[in-house]
């Protein structure tokens, strides 16, 4: 490897970011973005903040190239999930490193370690005066853990204009993730007519109609296409509410359903299919009335193994890890669900940390994984340009 990052820098930048509480809600990502911006500017990166709300801002950093090729975009989010109710072994924002070389803290895995590795990689190239044919951009976003508000705002502002490849530092244990599932959150309300519980024939039971609807929805995933790495779509009924007291026929019931999709399933077409299903139930079940609302829309992302980005990333990881890189898919979604479908750019996920520790009490990451991630993000732009 011709250019190597300073291993101390990725650890120290990760620790600085961990000491900033960006639990979402409310987020407060601005303070973390300012830490990253100051670091980037210290080593010659261009950058600016894009405020979204009080205490919240996206961060844009640029390592300029010669302009001979389209830019590569690195991306990650500053916000973290809440701490949970279980006690932590070590303070979640103290950024302590134990005797085994493990860094503890909320966001160590998801995903401030990955953010730091990306930025340190760019800063290393800037400091070395590397002549790259294309710019390397970094987009640090707010709100990924709740609504992907930062990615949506960045897309609307044109942040992806001209970008040729996208790499997101979600925790993958430094495996190469070429596909991830999407999520479609649907809220259903069925309507009935109230009546005395002793005379149910005089009413229309909204809960009974919801049961019919959910039973029919439960067969929908088997009708959808599967993916080689991700398998099939899944459906989960997350919440259901209906009725008021036991002796009244319920006139309304609401259920919220989480559909996890795979590449090849277009969400508008799926929504249209569900709307037809509601029409079918209305035609076959007397008194059936229902309304559907889309409350979350995060498309699946997939990239061909033949893409130059995949080949370059695989070669770099092989070298960094000293073994063949694992290539796989994951079931969770990322900011890629917002940034990739609108642009069609090849997109990968690769970052340090065990994803099973994300969102958990005692979140932690091996310092060695941070160092290897920084090596990967330092080397990828030059290899991709070859």
Protein backbone atom coordinates (compact mmCIF):
# COMPACT_ATOMS: atom_id res chain seq x y z
CA UNK A 1 0.00 0.00 0.00
CA UNK A 2 1.63 3.23 -1.14
CA UNK A 3 -0.20 5.57 1.24
CA UNK A 4 -1.12 4.45 4.75
CA UNK A 5 -3.21 6.37 7.28
CA UNK A 6 -1.94 7.20 10.74
CA UNK A 7 -3.59 4.57 12.92
CA UNK A 8 -3.76 6.92 15.88
CA UNK A 9 -5.87 9.40 13.94
CA UNK A 10 -8.80 7.11 13.19
CA UNK A 11 -9.03 6.12 16.85
CA UNK A 12 -8.83 9.68 18.11
CA UNK A 13 -11.36 11.03 15.62
CA UNK A 14 -13.77 8.20 16.47
CA UNK A 15 -13.38 8.99 20.16
CA UNK A 16 -14.05 12.68 19.56
CA UNK A 17 -17.24 11.80 17.69
CA UNK A 18 -18.36 9.35 20.37
CA UNK A 19 -18.05 12.02 23.05
CA UNK A 20 -20.73 14.03 21.23
CA UNK A 21 -24.20 12.82 22.17
CA UNK A 22 -26.20 12.51 18.94
CA UNK A 23 -28.98 10.24 20.18
CA UNK A 24 -31.96 10.62 17.86
CA UNK A 25 -34.39 11.98 18.80
CA UNK A 26 -33.48 14.79 18.94
CA UNK A 27 -30.24 14.21 17.01
CA UNK A 28 -28.11 17.29 17.70
CA UNK A 29 -25.80 16.16 14.91
CA UNK A 30 -24.42 19.66 14.31
CA UNK A 31 -21.85 19.34 17.09
CA UNK A 32 -20.49 16.08 15.64
CA UNK A 33 -20.48 17.54 12.12
CA UNK A 34 -18.42 20.49 13.39
CA UNK A 35 -15.85 18.09 14.89
CA UNK A 36 -15.53 16.27 11.57
CA UNK A 37 -15.39 19.50 9.56
CA UNK A 38 -12.60 20.91 11.73
CA UNK A 39 -10.59 17.71 11.31
CA UNK A 40 -11.05 17.67 7.54
CA UNK A 41 -10.07 21.31 7.12
CA UNK A 42 -6.98 20.80 9.25
CA UNK A 43 -5.70 18.40 6.61
CA UNK A 44 -6.71 20.36 3.53
CA UNK A 45 -10.20 19.09 2.70
CA UNK A 46 -12.77 21.54 1.41
CA UNK A 47 -16.01 21.47 3.36
CA UNK A 48 -19.17 23.12 4.57
CA UNK A 49 -22.21 22.49 6.73
CA UNK A 50 -25.78 22.42 5.43
CA UNK A 51 -28.11 23.28 8.34
CA UNK A 52 -31.45 21.48 8.41
CA UNK A 53 -32.86 22.56 11.77
CA UNK A 54 -31.71 23.86 15.13
CA UNK A 55 -28.75 21.75 16.19
CA UNK A 56 -28.81 19.68 13.01
CA UNK A 57 -26.69 19.88 9.86
CA UNK A 58 -25.36 17.68 7.08
CA UNK A 59 -21.63 17.85 6.39
CA UNK A 60 -20.03 17.95 2.95
CA UNK A 61 -16.27 17.40 2.50
CA UNK A 62 -14.38 17.25 -0.80
CA UNK A 63 -10.95 15.97 -1.74
CA UNK A 64 -10.46 17.57 -5.19
CA UNK A 65 -9.25 15.48 -8.09
CA UNK A 66 -8.21 16.52 -11.57
CA UNK A 67 -11.75 16.31 -12.95
CA UNK A 68 -10.89 13.59 -15.44
CA UNK A 69 -13.39 11.22 -13.83
CA UNK A 70 -16.72 11.51 -12.04
CA UNK A 71 -16.62 11.73 -8.24
CA UNK A 72 -16.72 8.91 -5.70
CA UNK A 73 -19.05 9.59 -2.76
CA UNK A 74 -18.40 8.36 0.78
CA UNK A 75 -21.42 8.59 3.09
CA UNK A 76 -22.47 7.99 6.69
CA UNK A 77 -24.82 9.29 9.36
CA UNK A 78 -24.03 11.14 12.58
CA UNK A 79 -27.12 10.22 14.60
CA UNK A 80 -27.38 7.21 16.90
CA UNK A 81 -30.23 5.29 18.49
CA UNK A 82 -31.18 5.84 22.16
CA UNK A 83 -29.17 4.19 24.92
CA UNK A 84 -31.86 1.74 26.02
CA UNK A 85 -32.95 0.92 29.56
CA UNK A 86 -30.22 -1.59 30.48
CA UNK A 87 -27.14 -0.31 32.32
CA UNK A 88 -23.90 0.06 30.35
CA UNK A 89 -20.65 -1.54 31.49
CA UNK A 90 -18.82 1.64 30.49
CA UNK A 91 -20.25 5.16 30.07
CA UNK A 92 -21.81 5.34 26.59
CA UNK A 93 -20.25 8.71 25.69
CA UNK A 94 -16.89 8.41 27.46
CA UNK A 95 -15.19 6.70 24.47
CA UNK A 96 -13.11 4.42 26.67
CA UNK A 97 -10.60 1.95 25.22
CA UNK A 98 -10.10 -1.21 27.27
CA UNK A 99 -6.95 -3.29 27.72
CA UNK A 100 -7.99 -5.57 24.85
CA UNK A 101 -8.00 -2.75 22.32
CA UNK A 102 -11.79 -2.34 22.20
CA UNK A 103 -13.46 1.09 21.97
CA UNK A 104 -16.78 1.39 23.82
CA UNK A 105 -19.60 3.83 23.22
CA UNK A 106 -22.92 4.54 21.54
CA UNK A 107 -22.12 4.90 17.85
CA UNK A 108 -18.82 3.00 17.95
CA UNK A 109 -20.30 0.49 15.50
CA UNK A 110 -23.27 2.38 14.08
CA UNK A 111 -21.58 4.31 12.72
CA UNK A 112 -19.10 6.89 13.98
CA UNK A 113 -16.20 4.48 13.55
CA UNK A 114 -17.01 4.18 9.87
CA UNK A 115 -17.40 7.94 9.54
CA UNK A 116 -14.00 8.53 11.09
CA UNK A 117 -12.36 5.91 8.87
CA UNK A 118 -13.72 7.57 5.73
CA UNK A 119 -12.66 11.06 6.74
CA UNK A 120 -9.21 9.92 7.88
CA UNK A 121 -8.79 8.13 4.54
CA UNK A 122 -9.59 11.32 2.64
CA UNK A 123 -7.37 13.42 4.90
CA UNK A 124 -4.49 10.97 4.41
CA UNK A 125 -4.76 11.32 0.64
CA UNK A 126 -4.95 15.13 0.91
CA UNK A 127 -1.90 15.31 3.14
CA UNK A 128 0.06 13.07 0.75
CA UNK A 129 -0.84 15.25 -2.22
CA UNK A 130 -2.36 12.28 -4.05
CA UNK A 131 -3.29 13.12 -7.65
CA UNK A 132 -6.66 11.45 -8.22
CA UNK A 133 -8.53 11.73 -11.51
CA UNK A 134 -11.86 12.18 -9.72
CA UNK A 135 -13.02 14.07 -6.65
CA UNK A 136 -13.74 12.15 -3.47
CA UNK A 137 -16.79 13.51 -1.64
CA UNK A 138 -17.96 12.82 1.89
CA UNK A 139 -21.60 13.29 2.92
CA UNK A 140 -22.37 13.10 6.63
CA UNK A 141 -26.10 13.02 7.23
CA UNK A 142 -28.59 13.59 10.01
CA UNK A 143 -31.59 11.49 10.89
CA UNK A 144 -30.84 8.13 9.28
CA UNK A 145 -32.01 6.27 12.37
CA UNK A 146 -35.48 7.87 12.20
CA UNK A 147 -36.46 9.17 8.77
CA UNK A 148 -33.34 9.65 6.59
CA UNK A 149 -34.08 13.38 6.63
CA UNK A 150 -30.47 14.32 5.94
CA UNK A 151 -30.15 12.05 2.92
CA UNK A 152 -33.44 13.36 1.52
CA UNK A 153 -32.32 16.96 1.98
CA UNK A 154 -28.93 16.27 0.39
CA UNK A 155 -30.55 14.57 -2.60
CA UNK A 156 -32.95 17.48 -3.06
CA UNK A 157 -30.00 19.90 -2.89
CA UNK A 158 -28.16 18.09 -5.70
CA UNK A 159 -25.45 16.45 -3.61
CA UNK A 160 -25.47 13.36 -5.85
CA UNK A 161 -25.17 15.29 -9.12
CA UNK A 162 -22.45 13.71 -11.23
CA UNK A 163 -21.46 11.13 -8.59
CA UNK A 164 -20.38 7.85 -10.21
CA UNK A 165 -20.10 5.54 -7.17
CA UNK A 166 -21.40 5.52 -3.60
CA UNK A 167 -19.90 3.78 -0.55
CA UNK A 168 -21.67 3.87 2.82
CA UNK A 169 -19.80 2.93 6.01
CA UNK A 170 -22.58 1.03 7.75
CA UNK A 171 -21.15 -1.71 10.01
CA UNK A 172 -20.54 -4.86 7.98
CA UNK A 173 -17.57 -6.38 9.87
CA UNK A 174 -15.59 -5.19 6.82
CA UNK A 175 -17.51 -7.53 4.56
CA UNK A 176 -18.54 -6.10 1.21
CA UNK A 177 -22.31 -5.62 1.09
CA UNK A 178 -23.59 -5.31 -2.47
CA UNK A 179 -27.31 -5.50 -1.70
CA UNK A 180 -29.64 -4.58 1.11
CA UNK A 181 -33.34 -4.84 1.67
CA UNK A 182 -35.72 -1.95 1.51
CA UNK A 183 -38.61 -1.14 3.83
CA UNK A 184 -42.16 -0.12 3.05
CA UNK A 185 -44.16 0.90 6.12
CA UNK A 186 -47.93 0.70 5.60
CA UNK A 187 -50.74 1.78 7.90
CA UNK A 188 -54.17 0.21 7.39
CA UNK A 189 -57.45 1.33 8.90
CA UNK A 190 -60.63 -0.72 8.54
CA UNK A 191 -64.04 0.82 9.23
CA UNK A 192 -67.18 -0.81 10.58
CA UNK A 193 -70.41 0.14 12.32
CA UNK A 194 -70.79 0.12 16.10
CA UNK A 195 -73.51 -1.95 17.75
CA UNK A 196 -74.27 -3.60 21.06
CA UNK A 197 -72.01 -6.58 21.70
CA UNK A 198 -75.10 -8.71 22.36
CA UNK A 199 -76.40 -7.95 18.87
CA UNK A 200 -73.32 -8.12 16.60
CA UNK A 201 -75.46 -8.76 13.53
CA UNK A 202 -76.61 -5.13 13.75
CA UNK A 203 -73.05 -3.83 13.36
CA UNK A 204 -70.00 -4.25 11.14
CA UNK A 205 -66.92 -5.46 12.98
CA UNK A 206 -63.82 -3.51 11.93
CA UNK A 207 -61.49 -5.92 13.76
CA UNK A 208 -62.91 -8.92 11.91
CA UNK A 209 -62.34 -7.10 8.64
CA UNK A 210 -58.79 -6.27 9.70
CA UNK A 211 -58.21 -9.96 10.39
CA UNK A 212 -59.33 -10.77 6.84
CA UNK A 213 -57.05 -8.07 5.46
CA UNK A 214 -54.00 -9.23 7.42
CA UNK A 215 -54.59 -12.85 6.47
CA UNK A 216 -54.61 -11.88 2.81
CA UNK A 217 -51.53 -9.67 3.24
CA UNK A 218 -49.75 -12.59 4.86
CA UNK A 219 -49.74 -14.44 1.55
CA UNK A 220 -48.41 -11.47 -0.43
CA UNK A 221 -44.71 -12.03 0.20
CA UNK A 222 -44.88 -15.46 -1.47
CA UNK A 223 -46.10 -13.73 -4.66
CA UNK A 224 -43.08 -11.42 -4.83
CA UNK A 225 -39.69 -12.13 -6.49
CA UNK A 226 -36.72 -13.30 -4.42
CA UNK A 227 -33.09 -12.14 -4.56
CA UNK A 228 -29.98 -14.33 -4.81
CA UNK A 229 -28.27 -12.81 -1.75
CA UNK A 230 -31.24 -11.54 0.24
CA UNK A 231 -33.87 -14.20 -0.23
CA UNK A 232 -37.51 -13.14 -0.33
CA UNK A 233 -39.53 -10.24 0.95
CA UNK A 234 -40.90 -10.40 4.49
CA UNK A 235 -43.94 -8.91 6.20
CA UNK A 236 -44.42 -8.12 9.88
CA UNK A 237 -47.52 -6.76 11.60
CA UNK A 238 -45.93 -4.39 14.10
CA UNK A 239 -48.93 -2.85 15.88
CA UNK A 240 -52.70 -3.26 15.92
CA UNK A 241 -55.33 -1.18 17.72
CA UNK A 242 -59.09 -1.50 17.64
CA UNK A 243 -62.25 -1.26 19.66
CA UNK A 244 -62.96 0.50 22.93
CA UNK A 245 -64.76 -1.91 25.29
CA UNK A 246 -65.63 -5.58 25.09
CA UNK A 247 -69.41 -5.15 24.70
CA UNK A 248 -69.37 -2.85 21.65
CA UNK A 249 -68.87 -3.97 18.07
CA UNK A 250 -65.71 -2.06 17.05
CA UNK A 251 -66.19 0.49 14.28
CA UNK A 252 -62.48 1.09 13.59
CA UNK A 253 -59.20 -0.84 13.66
CA UNK A 254 -55.68 0.25 12.70
CA UNK A 255 -52.65 -1.93 11.97
CA UNK A 256 -49.12 -0.96 10.97
CA UNK A 257 -47.20 -3.34 8.73
CA UNK A 258 -43.48 -3.50 7.95
CA UNK A 259 -42.72 -4.96 4.51
CA UNK A 260 -39.04 -5.66 3.78
CA UNK A 261 -38.41 -5.74 0.04
CA UNK A 262 -35.55 -6.87 -2.20
CA UNK A 263 -34.11 -5.44 -5.42
CA UNK A 264 -36.55 -6.08 -8.24
CA UNK A 265 -39.59 -5.10 -6.18
CA UNK A 266 -40.69 -1.60 -7.14
CA UNK A 267 -42.49 0.08 -4.28
CA UNK A 268 -45.04 2.01 -6.40
CA UNK A 269 -46.06 -1.24 -8.10
CA UNK A 270 -46.30 -3.00 -4.74
CA UNK A 271 -48.48 -0.24 -3.31
CA UNK A 272 -50.73 -0.48 -6.37
CA UNK A 273 -50.95 -4.26 -5.85
CA UNK A 274 -52.05 -3.78 -2.23
CA UNK A 275 -54.63 -1.21 -3.30
CA UNK A 276 -56.08 -3.79 -5.71
CA UNK A 277 -56.13 -6.29 -2.85
CA UNK A 278 -58.24 -3.86 -0.82
CA UNK A 279 -60.61 -3.51 -3.76
CA UNK A 280 -60.87 -7.31 -4.02
CA UNK A 281 -61.75 -7.59 -0.34
CA UNK A 282 -64.35 -4.86 -0.73
CA UNK A 283 -65.97 -6.82 -3.56
CA UNK A 284 -66.02 -10.15 -1.69
CA UNK A 285 -66.68 -9.17 1.94
CA UNK A 286 -69.92 -7.39 2.75
CA UNK A 287 -69.40 -4.01 4.40
CA UNK A 288 -65.59 -4.08 4.01
CA UNK A 289 -64.04 -0.61 3.96
CA UNK A 290 -60.36 0.17 4.42
CA UNK A 291 -57.79 2.91 3.92
CA UNK A 292 -54.04 2.51 3.41
CA UNK A 293 -51.34 5.12 4.08
CA UNK A 294 -47.65 4.79 3.21
CA UNK A 295 -45.76 6.01 6.29
CA UNK A 296 -42.22 5.05 5.22
CA UNK A 297 -40.64 4.33 1.85
CA UNK A 298 -37.05 3.07 1.67
CA UNK A 299 -36.34 1.09 -1.55
CA UNK A 300 -33.98 -1.87 -1.68
CA UNK A 301 -30.50 -1.40 -3.13
CA UNK A 302 -28.50 -3.82 -5.26
CA UNK A 303 -25.26 -3.59 -7.24
CA UNK A 304 -23.96 -6.04 -9.83
CA UNK A 305 -20.82 -7.98 -8.97
CA UNK A 306 -19.47 -6.94 -12.37
CA UNK A 307 -19.38 -3.24 -11.50
CA UNK A 308 -15.87 -1.70 -11.40
CA UNK A 309 -16.67 -0.42 -7.89
CA UNK A 310 -17.26 -3.96 -6.64
CA UNK A 311 -14.12 -5.31 -8.30
CA UNK A 312 -11.97 -2.46 -6.95
CA UNK A 313 -13.38 -2.71 -3.42
CA UNK A 314 -12.92 -6.48 -3.39
CA UNK A 315 -9.27 -6.15 -4.40
CA UNK A 316 -8.57 -3.52 -1.75
CA UNK A 317 -10.28 -5.53 0.98
CA UNK A 318 -8.38 -8.66 0.02
CA UNK A 319 -5.15 -6.73 0.58
CA UNK A 320 -6.23 -4.99 3.78
CA UNK A 321 -7.63 -8.11 5.42
CA UNK A 322 -5.01 -10.53 4.11
CA UNK A 323 -7.76 -12.89 2.98
CA UNK A 324 -10.53 -13.00 0.37
CA UNK A 325 -13.22 -10.44 1.16
CA UNK A 326 -16.69 -11.77 1.92
CA UNK A 327 -19.43 -10.46 -0.39
CA UNK A 328 -23.00 -10.58 0.87
CA UNK A 329 -26.31 -8.81 1.41
CA UNK A 330 -27.99 -7.50 4.57
CA UNK A 331 -31.58 -7.19 5.70
CA UNK A 332 -31.44 -3.62 7.07
CA UNK A 333 -31.68 -0.48 4.94
CA UNK A 334 -29.43 2.59 4.84
CA UNK A 335 -29.23 6.11 3.43
CA UNK A 336 -28.56 4.28 0.17
CA UNK A 337 -32.31 3.68 -0.01
CA UNK A 338 -32.69 7.42 -0.55
CA UNK A 339 -29.55 8.26 -2.53
CA UNK A 340 -29.26 5.30 -4.90
CA UNK A 341 -32.71 4.71 -6.50
CA UNK A 342 -32.97 8.30 -7.70
CA UNK A 343 -29.52 8.18 -9.30
CA UNK A 344 -28.87 4.54 -10.17
CA UNK A 345 -25.23 4.77 -9.04
CA UNK A 346 -23.42 1.57 -7.99
CA UNK A 347 -23.63 1.42 -4.20
CA UNK A 348 -21.76 -0.58 -1.56
CA UNK A 349 -21.88 -0.85 2.20
CA UNK A 350 -18.61 -1.51 4.02
CA UNK A 351 -17.62 -0.48 7.51
CA UNK A 352 -15.94 -1.57 10.74
CA UNK A 353 -17.77 -3.29 13.55
CA UNK A 354 -20.02 -6.25 14.21
CA UNK A 355 -23.52 -5.28 13.01
CA UNK A 356 -25.00 -7.48 15.73
CA UNK A 357 -23.70 -4.93 18.26
CA UNK A 358 -25.48 -2.03 16.56
CA UNK A 359 -28.38 -0.63 18.61
CA UNK A 360 -27.29 -2.76 21.59
CA UNK A 361 -26.28 -1.88 25.13
CA UNK A 362 -22.46 -1.92 25.44
CA UNK A 363 -21.89 -1.12 21.76
CA UNK A 364 -18.17 -1.43 20.99
CA UNK A 365 -15.68 -1.91 18.18
CA UNK A 366 -12.17 -3.33 17.89
CA UNK A 367 -9.60 -0.60 17.29
CA UNK A 368 -7.93 -2.90 14.75
CA UNK A 369 -11.16 -2.88 12.70
CA UNK A 370 -11.10 0.93 12.67
CA UNK A 371 -7.52 0.92 11.44
CA UNK A 372 -8.27 -1.56 8.67
CA UNK A 373 -11.31 0.46 7.62
CA UNK A 374 -9.17 3.59 7.35
CA UNK A 375 -6.71 1.67 5.14
CA UNK A 376 -9.59 0.56 2.92
CA UNK A 377 -11.00 4.06 2.49
CA UNK A 378 -7.53 5.48 1.84
CA UNK A 379 -6.75 2.97 -0.91
CA UNK A 380 -10.10 2.63 -2.68
CA UNK A 381 -10.12 5.92 -4.66
CA UNK A 382 -6.77 5.25 -6.35
CA UNK A 383 -7.59 1.60 -7.14
CA UNK A 384 -11.02 2.53 -8.49
CA UNK A 385 -9.36 5.09 -10.78
CA UNK A 386 -6.99 2.53 -12.34
